[in-house]
Amino acid sequence: MSQVTEIYSIADAVRTKANVFETLRKILADVLVADVMLITRDADLEQDLGAESIDFVDLSFRVEEEFGITFRLEEFRSSGNPRKYTVELLADYIVRSLASGRERALAC
């Protein structure tokens, strides 16, 4: 790994872990009309926060716009427990998508 790539990775990791969750909380609060304080890492999107199918459509557009990634609901749903979709799992999905996009850009 080159020094530039390593610095880039460290800077991205700081944004990714710390900021993705906070940004996601704000998006979820807006989409689900929920108190941001109720949106914790272990909150289930459907059971705890009341997300419905239409909310996932809005959420996918907002996530794509905010983070510049392609949000594939099926891919997200297959990334964890098939009956539990937590905010933490969604944040992890976004982090992986950001990392994957960065790796593709660096390879070009």
N, C-alpha and C. Protein backbone atom coordinates (compact mmCIF):
# COMPACT_ATOMS: atom_id res chain seq x y z
N MET A 1 0.86 -1.18 0.00
CA MET A 1 0.00 0.00 0.00
C MET A 1 0.90 1.23 0.00
N SER A 2 0.64 2.16 -0.90
CA SER A 2 1.46 3.36 -0.96
C SER A 2 1.11 4.29 0.20
N GLN A 3 2.02 5.22 0.45
CA GLN A 3 1.82 6.16 1.56
C GLN A 3 0.57 7.02 1.32
N VAL A 4 0.36 7.44 0.07
CA VAL A 4 -0.82 8.24 -0.26
C VAL A 4 -2.10 7.43 -0.03
N THR A 5 -2.10 6.19 -0.49
CA THR A 5 -3.27 5.33 -0.29
C THR A 5 -3.53 5.11 1.19
N GLU A 6 -2.46 4.90 1.97
CA GLU A 6 -2.61 4.67 3.40
C GLU A 6 -3.21 5.89 4.09
N ILE A 7 -2.73 7.08 3.75
CA ILE A 7 -3.27 8.32 4.34
C ILE A 7 -4.73 8.48 3.94
N TYR A 8 -5.03 8.21 2.68
CA TYR A 8 -6.39 8.29 2.17
C TYR A 8 -7.29 7.33 2.93
N SER A 9 -6.81 6.13 3.18
CA SER A 9 -7.58 5.12 3.90
C SER A 9 -7.85 5.54 5.34
N ILE A 10 -6.87 6.09 6.00
CA ILE A 10 -7.04 6.54 7.39
C ILE A 10 -8.06 7.66 7.45
N ALA A 11 -7.94 8.62 6.55
CA ALA A 11 -8.88 9.75 6.54
C ALA A 11 -10.30 9.26 6.27
N ASP A 12 -10.44 8.34 5.33
CA ASP A 12 -11.76 7.79 5.03
C ASP A 12 -12.32 7.00 6.21
N ALA A 13 -11.47 6.25 6.88
CA ALA A 13 -11.92 5.44 8.02
C ALA A 13 -12.47 6.33 9.12
N VAL A 14 -11.83 7.46 9.35
CA VAL A 14 -12.31 8.38 10.38
C VAL A 14 -13.69 8.90 10.01
N ARG A 15 -13.86 9.33 8.76
CA ARG A 15 -15.17 9.82 8.32
C ARG A 15 -16.18 8.69 8.36
N THR A 16 -15.77 7.55 7.89
CA THR A 16 -16.72 6.47 7.75
C THR A 16 -17.31 6.02 9.06
N LYS A 17 -16.46 5.68 9.98
CA LYS A 17 -17.00 5.13 11.22
C LYS A 17 -17.71 6.20 12.04
N ALA A 18 -17.13 7.37 12.16
CA ALA A 18 -17.70 8.40 13.03
C ALA A 18 -18.86 9.13 12.38
N ASN A 19 -18.71 9.52 11.14
CA ASN A 19 -19.71 10.39 10.52
C ASN A 19 -20.86 9.68 9.84
N VAL A 20 -20.62 8.49 9.34
CA VAL A 20 -21.69 7.78 8.64
C VAL A 20 -22.87 7.56 9.58
N PHE A 21 -22.59 7.10 10.79
CA PHE A 21 -23.68 6.85 11.72
C PHE A 21 -24.46 8.12 12.04
N GLU A 22 -23.75 9.21 12.32
CA GLU A 22 -24.44 10.47 12.66
C GLU A 22 -25.24 11.00 11.48
N THR A 23 -24.68 10.93 10.30
CA THR A 23 -25.41 11.38 9.11
C THR A 23 -26.62 10.48 8.86
N LEU A 24 -26.44 9.19 9.03
CA LEU A 24 -27.52 8.24 8.85
C LEU A 24 -28.64 8.48 9.86
N ARG A 25 -28.29 8.79 11.08
CA ARG A 25 -29.31 9.09 12.09
C ARG A 25 -30.20 10.25 11.65
N LYS A 26 -29.59 11.29 11.11
CA LYS A 26 -30.35 12.46 10.65
C LYS A 26 -31.26 12.09 9.47
N ILE A 27 -30.72 11.31 8.55
CA ILE A 27 -31.53 10.88 7.40
C ILE A 27 -32.71 10.05 7.88
N LEU A 28 -32.44 9.08 8.76
CA LEU A 28 -33.52 8.22 9.27
C LEU A 28 -34.56 9.02 10.05
N ALA A 29 -34.12 9.98 10.84
CA ALA A 29 -35.07 10.80 11.60
C ALA A 29 -35.99 11.55 10.65
N ASP A 30 -35.45 12.03 9.56
CA ASP A 30 -36.25 12.77 8.58
C ASP A 30 -37.19 11.84 7.81
N VAL A 31 -36.66 10.73 7.31
CA VAL A 31 -37.46 9.80 6.51
C VAL A 31 -38.56 9.15 7.35
N LEU A 32 -38.23 8.76 8.57
CA LEU A 32 -39.18 8.04 9.41
C LEU A 32 -39.95 8.94 10.37
N VAL A 33 -39.68 10.24 10.31
CA VAL A 33 -40.28 11.20 11.21
C VAL A 33 -40.17 10.69 12.65
N ALA A 34 -38.93 10.43 13.04
CA ALA A 34 -38.64 9.87 14.36
C ALA A 34 -37.68 10.78 15.12
N ASP A 35 -37.73 10.70 16.41
CA ASP A 35 -36.80 11.43 17.27
C ASP A 35 -35.41 10.84 17.07
N VAL A 36 -34.45 11.70 16.75
CA VAL A 36 -33.08 11.24 16.49
C VAL A 36 -32.50 10.49 17.69
N MET A 37 -32.96 10.78 18.89
CA MET A 37 -32.46 10.11 20.09
C MET A 37 -32.91 8.64 20.15
N LEU A 38 -33.97 8.30 19.44
CA LEU A 38 -34.44 6.91 19.41
C LEU A 38 -33.66 6.07 18.40
N ILE A 39 -32.91 6.74 17.55
CA ILE A 39 -32.18 6.04 16.49
C ILE A 39 -30.80 5.68 17.02
N THR A 40 -30.73 4.49 17.56
CA THR A 40 -29.49 3.97 18.13
C THR A 40 -28.91 2.93 17.18
N ARG A 41 -27.69 2.53 17.44
CA ARG A 41 -27.03 1.55 16.58
C ARG A 41 -27.79 0.22 16.52
N ASP A 42 -28.38 -0.18 17.64
CA ASP A 42 -29.06 -1.48 17.67
C ASP A 42 -30.56 -1.40 17.40
N ALA A 43 -31.06 -0.22 17.06
CA ALA A 43 -32.49 -0.07 16.73
C ALA A 43 -32.78 -0.78 15.41
N ASP A 44 -33.81 -1.60 15.41
CA ASP A 44 -34.24 -2.29 14.20
C ASP A 44 -35.07 -1.31 13.35
N LEU A 45 -34.72 -1.22 12.08
CA LEU A 45 -35.39 -0.26 11.20
C LEU A 45 -36.89 -0.49 11.11
N GLU A 46 -37.30 -1.74 11.04
CA GLU A 46 -38.72 -2.04 10.90
C GLU A 46 -39.42 -2.15 12.26
N GLN A 47 -38.89 -2.98 13.14
CA GLN A 47 -39.57 -3.25 14.41
C GLN A 47 -39.52 -2.08 15.38
N ASP A 48 -38.36 -1.44 15.53
CA ASP A 48 -38.23 -0.36 16.51
C ASP A 48 -38.58 1.01 15.94
N LEU A 49 -38.23 1.23 14.66
CA LEU A 49 -38.41 2.56 14.08
C LEU A 49 -39.59 2.65 13.12
N GLY A 50 -40.24 1.52 12.85
CA GLY A 50 -41.47 1.52 12.05
C GLY A 50 -41.28 1.72 10.56
N ALA A 51 -40.10 1.43 10.02
CA ALA A 51 -39.88 1.59 8.58
C ALA A 51 -40.75 0.62 7.80
N GLU A 52 -41.35 1.14 6.73
CA GLU A 52 -42.17 0.34 5.84
C GLU A 52 -41.54 0.35 4.45
N SER A 53 -42.08 -0.42 3.54
CA SER A 53 -41.53 -0.54 2.19
C SER A 53 -41.27 0.81 1.53
N ILE A 54 -42.23 1.70 1.61
CA ILE A 54 -42.09 3.02 0.98
C ILE A 54 -40.96 3.83 1.64
N ASP A 55 -40.75 3.61 2.92
CA ASP A 55 -39.67 4.30 3.62
C ASP A 55 -38.30 3.86 3.09
N PHE A 56 -38.19 2.58 2.75
CA PHE A 56 -36.92 2.07 2.21
C PHE A 56 -36.62 2.67 0.84
N VAL A 57 -37.67 2.97 0.07
CA VAL A 57 -37.48 3.62 -1.23
C VAL A 57 -36.91 5.02 -1.01
N ASP A 58 -37.54 5.79 -0.13
CA ASP A 58 -37.07 7.14 0.20
C ASP A 58 -35.66 7.08 0.80
N LEU A 59 -35.46 6.14 1.71
CA LEU A 59 -34.16 5.99 2.36
C LEU A 59 -33.06 5.70 1.34
N SER A 60 -33.36 4.83 0.37
CA SER A 60 -32.34 4.49 -0.63
C SER A 60 -31.94 5.72 -1.44
N PHE A 61 -32.91 6.54 -1.83
CA PHE A 61 -32.58 7.77 -2.57
C PHE A 61 -31.72 8.71 -1.73
N ARG A 62 -32.10 8.86 -0.48
CA ARG A 62 -31.36 9.77 0.41
C ARG A 62 -29.94 9.29 0.68
N VAL A 63 -29.78 7.98 0.89
CA VAL A 63 -28.45 7.40 1.13
C VAL A 63 -27.58 7.57 -0.11
N GLU A 64 -28.15 7.28 -1.27
CA GLU A 64 -27.39 7.43 -2.52
C GLU A 64 -26.95 8.87 -2.73
N GLU A 65 -27.85 9.80 -2.47
CA GLU A 65 -27.54 11.22 -2.64
C GLU A 65 -26.49 11.69 -1.65
N GLU A 66 -26.63 11.33 -0.40
CA GLU A 66 -25.73 11.79 0.65
C GLU A 66 -24.33 11.18 0.55
N PHE A 67 -24.27 9.89 0.28
CA PHE A 67 -22.99 9.19 0.33
C PHE A 67 -22.39 8.89 -1.04
N GLY A 68 -23.15 9.11 -2.11
CA GLY A 68 -22.64 8.87 -3.44
C GLY A 68 -22.41 7.40 -3.75
N ILE A 69 -23.25 6.55 -3.19
CA ILE A 69 -23.14 5.11 -3.43
C ILE A 69 -24.44 4.62 -4.06
N THR A 70 -24.41 3.42 -4.57
CA THR A 70 -25.63 2.78 -5.06
C THR A 70 -26.16 1.90 -3.93
N PHE A 71 -27.38 2.18 -3.51
CA PHE A 71 -28.00 1.43 -2.41
C PHE A 71 -28.86 0.34 -3.00
N ARG A 72 -28.49 -0.89 -2.74
CA ARG A 72 -29.26 -2.04 -3.22
C ARG A 72 -29.91 -2.70 -2.00
N LEU A 73 -31.20 -2.54 -1.89
CA LEU A 73 -31.93 -3.06 -0.73
C LEU A 73 -31.72 -4.55 -0.56
N GLU A 74 -31.75 -5.30 -1.65
CA GLU A 74 -31.58 -6.76 -1.56
C GLU A 74 -30.20 -7.11 -1.01
N GLU A 75 -29.19 -6.37 -1.46
CA GLU A 75 -27.83 -6.60 -0.99
C GLU A 75 -27.70 -6.27 0.50
N PHE A 76 -28.33 -5.16 0.91
CA PHE A 76 -28.32 -4.79 2.33
C PHE A 76 -29.02 -5.86 3.16
N ARG A 77 -30.17 -6.28 2.71
CA ARG A 77 -30.94 -7.29 3.46
C ARG A 77 -30.20 -8.61 3.58
N SER A 78 -29.38 -8.94 2.60
CA SER A 78 -28.65 -10.21 2.65
C SER A 78 -27.35 -10.09 3.45
N SER A 79 -27.02 -8.89 3.92
CA SER A 79 -25.76 -8.69 4.63
C SER A 79 -25.84 -9.01 6.12
N GLY A 80 -27.01 -9.28 6.63
CA GLY A 80 -27.14 -9.55 8.06
C GLY A 80 -28.22 -10.59 8.35
N ASN A 81 -28.69 -10.57 9.56
CA ASN A 81 -29.77 -11.46 9.98
C ASN A 81 -31.01 -11.17 9.14
N PRO A 82 -31.59 -12.17 8.49
CA PRO A 82 -32.72 -11.92 7.60
C PRO A 82 -33.98 -11.38 8.30
N ARG A 83 -34.00 -11.38 9.60
CA ARG A 83 -35.18 -10.87 10.31
C ARG A 83 -34.88 -9.61 11.12
N LYS A 84 -33.64 -9.15 11.09
CA LYS A 84 -33.30 -7.97 11.89
C LYS A 84 -32.41 -7.04 11.06
N TYR A 85 -32.89 -5.84 10.82
CA TYR A 85 -32.18 -4.85 10.03
C TYR A 85 -31.92 -3.63 10.90
N THR A 86 -30.76 -3.61 11.52
CA THR A 86 -30.45 -2.54 12.47
C THR A 86 -29.79 -1.35 11.78
N VAL A 87 -29.79 -0.24 12.48
CA VAL A 87 -29.10 0.96 12.00
C VAL A 87 -27.61 0.64 11.84
N GLU A 88 -27.06 -0.13 12.76
CA GLU A 88 -25.65 -0.52 12.69
C GLU A 88 -25.36 -1.30 11.41
N LEU A 89 -26.22 -2.24 11.04
CA LEU A 89 -26.03 -3.00 9.81
C LEU A 89 -26.08 -2.09 8.59
N LEU A 90 -26.99 -1.12 8.61
CA LEU A 90 -27.08 -0.18 7.50
C LEU A 90 -25.83 0.68 7.42
N ALA A 91 -25.35 1.15 8.56
CA ALA A 91 -24.12 1.96 8.59
C ALA A 91 -22.94 1.13 8.06
N ASP A 92 -22.85 -0.12 8.48
CA ASP A 92 -21.78 -1.00 8.00
C ASP A 92 -21.87 -1.21 6.49
N TYR A 93 -23.08 -1.37 5.98
CA TYR A 93 -23.29 -1.52 4.54
C TYR A 93 -22.78 -0.29 3.80
N ILE A 94 -23.10 0.89 4.33
CA ILE A 94 -22.65 2.14 3.70
C ILE A 94 -21.13 2.23 3.73
N VAL A 95 -20.52 1.90 4.87
CA VAL A 95 -19.07 1.93 5.01
C VAL A 95 -18.42 1.00 3.97
N ARG A 96 -18.94 -0.21 3.85
CA ARG A 96 -18.39 -1.15 2.86
C ARG A 96 -18.56 -0.63 1.44
N SER A 97 -19.69 -0.03 1.16
CA SER A 97 -19.93 0.52 -0.18
C SER A 97 -18.99 1.68 -0.48
N LEU A 98 -18.76 2.53 0.51
CA LEU A 98 -17.81 3.63 0.33
C LEU A 98 -16.40 3.10 0.08
N ALA A 99 -16.01 2.10 0.86
CA ALA A 99 -14.66 1.52 0.71
C ALA A 99 -14.52 0.86 -0.66
N SER A 100 -15.54 0.16 -1.08
CA SER A 100 -15.51 -0.52 -2.38
C SER A 100 -15.39 0.50 -3.51
N GLY A 101 -16.14 1.58 -3.43
CA GLY A 101 -16.07 2.62 -4.45
C GLY A 101 -14.72 3.30 -4.48
N ARG A 102 -14.13 3.52 -3.31
CA ARG A 102 -12.81 4.15 -3.23
C ARG A 102 -11.76 3.24 -3.83
N GLU A 103 -11.85 1.94 -3.55
CA GLU A 103 -10.88 0.98 -4.09
C GLU A 103 -10.95 0.93 -5.61
N ARG A 104 -12.18 0.99 -6.15
CA ARG A 104 -12.33 0.99 -7.61
C ARG A 104 -11.73 2.26 -8.20
N ALA A 105 -11.93 3.41 -7.54
CA ALA A 105 -11.39 4.67 -8.04
C ALA A 105 -9.87 4.68 -8.01
N LEU A 106 -9.28 4.13 -6.96
CA LEU A 106 -7.83 4.10 -6.84
C LEU A 106 -7.20 3.16 -7.86
N ALA A 107 -7.93 2.13 -8.25
CA ALA A 107 -7.41 1.15 -9.20
C ALA A 107 -7.36 1.72 -10.62
N CYS A 108 -8.16 2.74 -10.89
CA CYS A 108 -8.21 3.32 -12.25
C CYS A 108 -7.00 4.16 -12.55
